[in-house]
Amino acid sequence: MKKVILFLGIFFMSFLGYSENFKGTDKEFMEIFNPNFDTFTKKDGSVYTGKIEVTRSATGKPWFVMDIKDGKKNGKVVFYFQDGKMKSESNYDRGRITGKYVFYDGKGKVLYETTLKNGTGQTKDYTEDGKLTLVIDYVNGVKEGKVTTYNLDGTVKNVTYYSDGREDVAPDAVPVSVPATVKANTEKKAVLLEIKAKMINIEKELYADYYNLFTPVKSKI
């Protein structure tokens, strides 16, 4: 009888899709998960499905809460300031941001709120004192157009371009008709590498705490 119950349990878990929940500190999160904020996989190579709730080890305050399905953000995603107050709320559908996106100041006031229509629109990020730091264009749920970061004085810091969710060159960076020469290919590769480097810097600013968590401290010697 026990074997039958066990078999049925495994069958239904397989049929419905296995899910689990993680609740722990940033250090415990680091020990279990790989350092990738786009696709959530565990150290053993398995793709994660379930809820993730992470607190900061230093303070015990919440850092983020999100729902994951097949390794992708799917459902509500909430980030918190270091003092534990809510920083942002967003919704995802299989890794694509959708619906309402809200960003708060450190006192609970809504600084920005938008709803993507059919996955099309903009999202904006601000500092704790309300200064704009990042604007991302979306079309049909994926990055399409500009990803712009700003300095604290409001000037543009970096602009990178996306096409169908992938890094792309600026519209005027490469001629429409490029001769098939080694020189042209080399120049285009250099542009793509430069944009990739810029995007890494943008992601580090957006998820600074996350990247710092997975970056070992280098010796000063």
C-alpha atoms as a PDB file:
ATOM      1  CA  MET A   1       0.000   0.000   0.000  1.00  0.00           C
ATOM      2  CA  LYS A   2       2.831   2.396   0.895  1.00  0.00           C
ATOM      3  CA  LYS A   3       4.515   1.655  -2.432  1.00  0.00           C
ATOM      4  CA  VAL A   4       1.269   2.465  -4.261  1.00  0.00           C
ATOM      5  CA  ILE A   5       0.923   5.796  -2.396  1.00  0.00           C
ATOM      6  CA  LEU A   6       4.575   6.638  -3.110  1.00  0.00           C
ATOM      7  CA  PHE A   7       4.125   5.806  -6.790  1.00  0.00           C
ATOM      8  CA  LEU A   8       0.986   7.944  -7.043  1.00  0.00           C
ATOM      9  CA  GLY A   9       2.777  10.811  -5.290  1.00  0.00           C
ATOM     10  CA  ILE A  10       5.675  10.689  -7.738  1.00  0.00           C
ATOM     11  CA  PHE A  11       3.263  10.386 -10.659  1.00  0.00           C
ATOM     12  CA  PHE A  12       1.244  13.457  -9.688  1.00  0.00           C
ATOM     13  CA  MET A  13       4.388  15.471  -8.930  1.00  0.00           C
ATOM     14  CA  SER A  14       5.667  14.655 -12.400  1.00  0.00           C
ATOM     15  CA  PHE A  15       2.317  15.395 -13.983  1.00  0.00           C
ATOM     16  CA  LEU A  16       1.770  18.716 -12.223  1.00  0.00           C
ATOM     17  CA  GLY A  17       5.401  19.819 -12.361  1.00  0.00           C
ATOM     18  CA  TYR A  18       7.665  19.526  -9.340  1.00  0.00           C
ATOM     19  CA  SER A  19       8.160  22.702  -7.325  1.00  0.00           C
ATOM     20  CA  GLU A  20       9.954  23.586  -4.131  1.00  0.00           C
ATOM     21  CA  ASN A  21      10.439  26.646  -1.970  1.00  0.00           C
ATOM     22  CA  PHE A  22      13.631  28.260  -0.759  1.00  0.00           C
ATOM     23  CA  LYS A  23      13.706  30.532   2.280  1.00  0.00           C
ATOM     24  CA  GLY A  24      17.047  31.608   3.708  1.00  0.00           C
ATOM     25  CA  THR A  25      19.847  34.154   3.877  1.00  0.00           C
ATOM     26  CA  ASP A  26      21.873  35.565   1.006  1.00  0.00           C
ATOM     27  CA  LYS A  27      24.787  33.330   2.012  1.00  0.00           C
ATOM     28  CA  GLU A  28      22.607  30.213   1.974  1.00  0.00           C
ATOM     29  CA  PHE A  29      21.200  31.304  -1.384  1.00  0.00           C
ATOM     30  CA  MET A  30      24.749  31.629  -2.731  1.00  0.00           C
ATOM     31  CA  GLU A  31      25.631  28.118  -1.563  1.00  0.00           C
ATOM     32  CA  ILE A  32      22.683  26.543  -3.399  1.00  0.00           C
ATOM     33  CA  PHE A  33      22.154  28.616  -6.554  1.00  0.00           C
ATOM     34  CA  ASN A  34      24.354  29.538  -9.496  1.00  0.00           C
ATOM     35  CA  PRO A  35      25.134  33.261 -10.025  1.00  0.00           C
ATOM     36  CA  ASN A  36      22.675  34.055 -12.797  1.00  0.00           C
ATOM     37  CA  PHE A  37      19.722  36.365 -12.296  1.00  0.00           C
ATOM     38  CA  ASP A  38      18.035  35.469 -15.599  1.00  0.00           C
ATOM     39  CA  THR A  39      17.916  31.672 -15.322  1.00  0.00           C
ATOM     40  CA  PHE A  40      17.749  30.133 -11.863  1.00  0.00           C
ATOM     41  CA  THR A  41      19.636  26.852 -11.618  1.00  0.00           C
ATOM     42  CA  LYS A  42      21.095  25.075  -8.611  1.00  0.00           C
ATOM     43  CA  LYS A  43      24.667  23.981  -8.027  1.00  0.00           C
ATOM     44  CA  ASP A  44      23.682  20.403  -8.876  1.00  0.00           C
ATOM     45  CA  GLY A  45      22.604  21.574 -12.354  1.00  0.00           C
ATOM     46  CA  SER A  46      18.856  21.278 -11.813  1.00  0.00           C
ATOM     47  CA  VAL A  47      16.528  23.990 -13.084  1.00  0.00           C
ATOM     48  CA  TYR A  48      14.586  25.580 -10.245  1.00  0.00           C
ATOM     49  CA  THR A  49      10.821  25.900  -9.901  1.00  0.00           C
ATOM     50  CA  GLY A  50       9.279  27.397  -6.784  1.00  0.00           C
ATOM     51  CA  LYS A  51       9.307  30.423  -4.532  1.00  0.00           C
ATOM     52  CA  ILE A  52      12.503  32.141  -3.387  1.00  0.00           C
ATOM     53  CA  GLU A  53      12.638  34.324  -0.261  1.00  0.00           C
ATOM     54  CA  VAL A  54      16.047  35.764   0.607  1.00  0.00           C
ATOM     55  CA  THR A  55      17.061  37.847   3.622  1.00  0.00           C
ATOM     56  CA  ARG A  56      20.268  39.807   4.192  1.00  0.00           C
ATOM     57  CA  SER A  57      22.680  37.983   6.509  1.00  0.00           C
ATOM     58  CA  ALA A  58      24.025  41.180   8.018  1.00  0.00           C
ATOM     59  CA  THR A  59      20.666  42.603   9.098  1.00  0.00           C
ATOM     60  CA  GLY A  60      18.072  39.851   8.816  1.00  0.00           C
ATOM     61  CA  LYS A  61      15.984  42.170   6.635  1.00  0.00           C
ATOM     62  CA  PRO A  62      14.347  40.879   3.433  1.00  0.00           C
ATOM     63  CA  TRP A  63      16.277  41.301   0.185  1.00  0.00           C
ATOM     64  CA  PHE A  64      13.916  39.856  -2.458  1.00  0.00           C
ATOM     65  CA  VAL A  65      10.994  37.487  -2.972  1.00  0.00           C
ATOM     66  CA  MET A  66      10.135  35.964  -6.345  1.00  0.00           C
ATOM     67  CA  ASP A  67       8.268  33.127  -7.994  1.00  0.00           C
ATOM     68  CA  ILE A  68      10.241  30.960 -10.423  1.00  0.00           C
ATOM     69  CA  LYS A  69       9.016  28.454 -12.999  1.00  0.00           C
ATOM     70  CA  ASP A  70      11.384  26.336 -15.089  1.00  0.00           C
ATOM     71  CA  GLY A  71      14.252  28.635 -14.110  1.00  0.00           C
ATOM     72  CA  LYS A  72      12.513  31.858 -15.165  1.00  0.00           C
ATOM     73  CA  LYS A  73      10.847  34.565 -13.101  1.00  0.00           C
ATOM     74  CA  ASN A  74       7.132  33.815 -13.319  1.00  0.00           C
ATOM     75  CA  GLY A  75       4.728  35.733 -11.113  1.00  0.00           C
ATOM     76  CA  LYS A  76       5.373  38.417  -8.527  1.00  0.00           C
ATOM     77  CA  VAL A  77       8.882  39.771  -7.920  1.00  0.00           C
ATOM     78  CA  VAL A  78       9.576  42.081  -4.975  1.00  0.00           C
ATOM     79  CA  PHE A  79      12.841  43.793  -3.998  1.00  0.00           C
ATOM     80  CA  TYR A  80      13.526  45.551  -0.688  1.00  0.00           C
ATOM     81  CA  PHE A  81      15.788  48.364   0.491  1.00  0.00           C
ATOM     82  CA  GLN A  82      18.504  47.506   2.991  1.00  0.00           C
ATOM     83  CA  ASP A  83      16.250  48.637   5.858  1.00  0.00           C
ATOM     84  CA  GLY A  84      13.594  46.116   4.788  1.00  0.00           C
ATOM     85  CA  LYS A  85      11.133  48.560   3.215  1.00  0.00           C
ATOM     86  CA  MET A  86       9.706  47.654  -0.171  1.00  0.00           C
ATOM     87  CA  LYS A  87      11.726  48.930  -3.137  1.00  0.00           C
ATOM     88  CA  SER A  88       9.909  47.572  -6.188  1.00  0.00           C
ATOM     89  CA  GLU A  89       7.107  45.275  -7.312  1.00  0.00           C
ATOM     90  CA  SER A  90       6.867  43.708 -10.738  1.00  0.00           C
ATOM     91  CA  ASN A  91       5.231  40.784 -12.473  1.00  0.00           C
ATOM     92  CA  TYR A  92       6.750  38.280 -14.887  1.00  0.00           C
ATOM     93  CA  ASP A  93       5.440  35.722 -17.331  1.00  0.00           C
ATOM     94  CA  ARG A  94       8.035  33.034 -18.135  1.00  0.00           C
ATOM     95  CA  GLY A  95      10.934  35.427 -17.688  1.00  0.00           C
ATOM     96  CA  ARG A  96       9.286  38.397 -19.383  1.00  0.00           C
ATOM     97  CA  ILE A  97       8.169  41.413 -17.440  1.00  0.00           C
ATOM     98  CA  THR A  98       4.455  42.058 -17.825  1.00  0.00           C
ATOM     99  CA  GLY A  99       1.648  43.973 -16.157  1.00  0.00           C
ATOM    100  CA  LYS A 100       2.248  46.499 -13.396  1.00  0.00           C
ATOM    101  CA  TYR A 101       5.668  47.696 -12.307  1.00  0.00           C
ATOM    102  CA  VAL A 102       5.965  49.930  -9.223  1.00  0.00           C
ATOM    103  CA  PHE A 103       9.000  51.547  -7.632  1.00  0.00           C
ATOM    104  CA  TYR A 104       8.924  53.094  -4.152  1.00  0.00           C
ATOM    105  CA  ASP A 105      11.071  55.567  -2.283  1.00  0.00           C
ATOM    106  CA  GLY A 106      12.486  54.670   1.119  1.00  0.00           C
ATOM    107  CA  LYS A 107       9.302  55.867   2.848  1.00  0.00           C
ATOM    108  CA  GLY A 108       6.745  53.817   0.942  1.00  0.00           C
ATOM    109  CA  LYS A 109       5.847  56.546  -1.559  1.00  0.00           C
ATOM    110  CA  VAL A 110       5.319  55.458  -5.170  1.00  0.00           C
ATOM    111  CA  LEU A 111       8.003  57.065  -7.300  1.00  0.00           C
ATOM    112  CA  TYR A 112       7.088  55.347 -10.543  1.00  0.00           C
ATOM    113  CA  GLU A 113       4.361  53.046 -11.749  1.00  0.00           C
ATOM    114  CA  THR A 114       3.632  51.660 -15.173  1.00  0.00           C
ATOM    115  CA  THR A 115       1.757  48.829 -16.802  1.00  0.00           C
ATOM    116  CA  LEU A 116       3.130  47.226 -19.926  1.00  0.00           C
ATOM    117  CA  LYS A 117       0.439  46.700 -22.529  1.00  0.00           C
ATOM    118  CA  ASN A 118       0.886  43.359 -24.229  1.00  0.00           C
ATOM    119  CA  GLY A 119       4.461  43.453 -22.991  1.00  0.00           C
ATOM    120  CA  THR A 120       5.184  46.804 -24.644  1.00  0.00           C
ATOM    121  CA  GLY A 121       6.314  49.939 -22.816  1.00  0.00           C
ATOM    122  CA  GLN A 122       9.091  51.166 -20.527  1.00  0.00           C
ATOM    123  CA  THR A 123      10.383  50.368 -17.082  1.00  0.00           C
ATOM    124  CA  LYS A 124      12.363  52.866 -15.017  1.00  0.00           C
ATOM    125  CA  ASP A 125      14.558  52.480 -11.970  1.00  0.00           C
ATOM    126  CA  TYR A 126      15.435  55.165  -9.428  1.00  0.00           C
ATOM    127  CA  THR A 127      17.828  55.661  -6.543  1.00  0.00           C
ATOM    128  CA  GLU A 128      16.486  55.685  -3.001  1.00  0.00           C
ATOM    129  CA  ASP A 129      16.150  59.482  -3.172  1.00  0.00           C
ATOM    130  CA  GLY A 130      14.189  59.380  -6.431  1.00  0.00           C
ATOM    131  CA  LYS A 131      16.852  59.984  -9.088  1.00  0.00           C
ATOM    132  CA  LEU A 132      16.391  58.155 -12.381  1.00  0.00           C
ATOM    133  CA  THR A 133      19.139  55.602 -13.037  1.00  0.00           C
ATOM    134  CA  LEU A 134      17.831  53.178 -15.675  1.00  0.00           C
ATOM    135  CA  VAL A 135      15.250  53.117 -18.496  1.00  0.00           C
ATOM    136  CA  ILE A 136      14.520  49.953 -20.492  1.00  0.00           C
ATOM    137  CA  ASP A 137      12.325  49.735 -23.599  1.00  0.00           C
ATOM    138  CA  TYR A 138      10.211  46.595 -24.080  1.00  0.00           C
ATOM    139  CA  VAL A 139       8.240  45.282 -27.046  1.00  0.00           C
ATOM    140  CA  ASN A 140       6.151  42.115 -26.706  1.00  0.00           C
ATOM    141  CA  GLY A 141       7.749  41.322 -23.368  1.00  0.00           C
ATOM    142  CA  VAL A 142      11.403  41.468 -24.435  1.00  0.00           C
ATOM    143  CA  LYS A 143      13.987  44.235 -24.524  1.00  0.00           C
ATOM    144  CA  GLU A 144      13.656  46.126 -27.805  1.00  0.00           C
ATOM    145  CA  GLY A 145      15.271  49.497 -28.361  1.00  0.00           C
ATOM    146  CA  LYS A 146      17.341  51.376 -25.811  1.00  0.00           C
ATOM    147  CA  VAL A 147      18.654  50.506 -22.383  1.00  0.00           C
ATOM    148  CA  THR A 148      19.776  53.825 -20.896  1.00  0.00           C
ATOM    149  CA  THR A 149      21.589  54.447 -17.631  1.00  0.00           C
ATOM    150  CA  TYR A 150      21.907  57.892 -16.056  1.00  0.00           C
ATOM    151  CA  ASN A 151      24.378  59.670 -13.822  1.00  0.00           C
ATOM    152  CA  LEU A 152      23.090  61.117 -10.560  1.00  0.00           C
ATOM    153  CA  ASP A 153      23.058  64.607 -12.129  1.00  0.00           C
ATOM    154  CA  GLY A 154      20.558  63.420 -14.752  1.00  0.00           C
ATOM    155  CA  THR A 155      22.975  63.159 -17.678  1.00  0.00           C
ATOM    156  CA  VAL A 156      23.110  60.017 -19.793  1.00  0.00           C
ATOM    157  CA  LYS A 157      25.811  57.605 -18.693  1.00  0.00           C
ATOM    158  CA  ASN A 158      25.409  54.698 -21.127  1.00  0.00           C
ATOM    159  CA  VAL A 159      23.084  53.720 -23.964  1.00  0.00           C
ATOM    160  CA  THR A 160      22.946  50.181 -25.302  1.00  0.00           C
ATOM    161  CA  TYR A 161      20.586  48.730 -27.861  1.00  0.00           C
ATOM    162  CA  TYR A 162      18.497  45.561 -27.984  1.00  0.00           C
ATOM    163  CA  SER A 163      16.724  43.731 -30.754  1.00  0.00           C
ATOM    164  CA  ASP A 164      14.313  40.905 -29.912  1.00  0.00           C
ATOM    165  CA  GLY A 165      15.773  40.608 -26.420  1.00  0.00           C
ATOM    166  CA  ARG A 166      19.386  40.405 -27.543  1.00  0.00           C
ATOM    167  CA  GLU A 167      22.205  42.916 -27.496  1.00  0.00           C
ATOM    168  CA  ASP A 168      22.495  44.728 -30.803  1.00  0.00           C
ATOM    169  CA  VAL A 169      24.550  47.500 -32.352  1.00  0.00           C
ATOM    170  CA  ALA A 170      23.253  51.072 -32.476  1.00  0.00           C
ATOM    171  CA  PRO A 171      21.096  51.790 -35.554  1.00  0.00           C
ATOM    172  CA  ASP A 172      23.843  53.980 -37.025  1.00  0.00           C
ATOM    173  CA  ALA A 173      26.839  52.037 -35.685  1.00  0.00           C
ATOM    174  CA  VAL A 174      27.191  49.754 -38.711  1.00  0.00           C
ATOM    175  CA  PRO A 175      26.203  50.620 -42.324  1.00  0.00           C
ATOM    176  CA  VAL A 176      23.147  48.837 -43.716  1.00  0.00           C
ATOM    177  CA  SER A 177      25.312  47.284 -46.395  1.00  0.00           C
ATOM    178  CA  VAL A 178      28.649  46.106 -44.986  1.00  0.00           C
ATOM    179  CA  PRO A 179      31.240  44.718 -47.406  1.00  0.00           C
ATOM    180  CA  ALA A 180      32.092  41.109 -46.651  1.00  0.00           C
ATOM    181  CA  THR A 181      35.694  41.793 -45.715  1.00  0.00           C
ATOM    182  CA  VAL A 182      37.824  40.760 -42.800  1.00  0.00           C
ATOM    183  CA  LYS A 183      38.174  44.399 -41.763  1.00  0.00           C
ATOM    184  CA  ALA A 184      34.403  44.957 -41.614  1.00  0.00           C
ATOM    185  CA  ASN A 185      33.845  41.787 -39.598  1.00  0.00           C
ATOM    186  CA  THR A 186      36.588  42.776 -37.162  1.00  0.00           C
ATOM    187  CA  GLU A 187      35.106  46.249 -36.661  1.00  0.00           C
ATOM    188  CA  LYS A 188      31.609  44.837 -36.111  1.00  0.00           C
ATOM    189  CA  LYS A 189      32.944  42.327 -33.578  1.00  0.00           C
ATOM    190  CA  ALA A 190      34.684  45.156 -31.721  1.00  0.00           C
ATOM    191  CA  VAL A 191      31.410  47.109 -31.503  1.00  0.00           C
ATOM    192  CA  LEU A 192      29.529  44.083 -30.174  1.00  0.00           C
ATOM    193  CA  LEU A 193      32.207  43.414 -27.559  1.00  0.00           C
ATOM    194  CA  GLU A 194      32.042  47.057 -26.431  1.00  0.00           C
ATOM    195  CA  ILE A 195      28.245  46.903 -26.077  1.00  0.00           C
ATOM    196  CA  LYS A 196      28.500  43.608 -24.181  1.00  0.00           C
ATOM    197  CA  ALA A 197      30.942  45.215 -21.742  1.00  0.00           C
ATOM    198  CA  LYS A 198      28.575  48.145 -21.226  1.00  0.00           C
ATOM    199  CA  MET A 199      25.655  45.789 -20.563  1.00  0.00           C
ATOM    200  CA  ILE A 200      27.647  43.934 -17.917  1.00  0.00           C
ATOM    201  CA  ASN A 201      28.218  47.248 -16.144  1.00  0.00           C
ATOM    202  CA  ILE A 202      24.495  48.056 -16.339  1.00  0.00           C
ATOM    203  CA  GLU A 203      23.529  44.703 -14.864  1.00  0.00           C
ATOM    204  CA  LYS A 204      26.081  45.142 -12.071  1.00  0.00           C
ATOM    205  CA  GLU A 205      24.519  48.484 -11.151  1.00  0.00           C
ATOM    206  CA  LEU A 206      20.978  47.126 -11.271  1.00  0.00           C
ATOM    207  CA  TYR A 207      21.769  44.048  -9.169  1.00  0.00           C
ATOM    208  CA  ALA A 208      24.823  45.362  -7.302  1.00  0.00           C
ATOM    209  CA  ASP A 209      24.120  43.389  -4.125  1.00  0.00           C
ATOM    210  CA  TYR A 210      23.612  40.183  -6.082  1.00  0.00           C
ATOM    211  CA  TYR A 211      26.847  40.401  -8.061  1.00  0.00           C
ATOM    212  CA  ASN A 212      28.856  41.437  -5.003  1.00  0.00           C
ATOM    213  CA  LEU A 213      27.531  38.382  -3.204  1.00  0.00           C
ATOM    214  CA  PHE A 214      29.003  36.030  -5.812  1.00  0.00           C
ATOM    215  CA  THR A 215      32.266  37.948  -6.367  1.00  0.00           C
ATOM    216  CA  PRO A 216      35.106  36.752  -4.117  1.00  0.00           C
ATOM    217  CA  VAL A 217      37.084  39.422  -2.297  1.00  0.00           C
ATOM    218  CA  LYS A 218      40.493  39.884  -3.931  1.00  0.00           C
ATOM    219  CA  SER A 219      43.623  40.165  -1.859  1.00  0.00           C
ATOM    220  CA  LYS A 220      45.269  43.585  -1.786  1.00  0.00           C
ATOM    221  CA  ILE A 221      48.716  41.983  -1.698  1.00  0.00           C
END
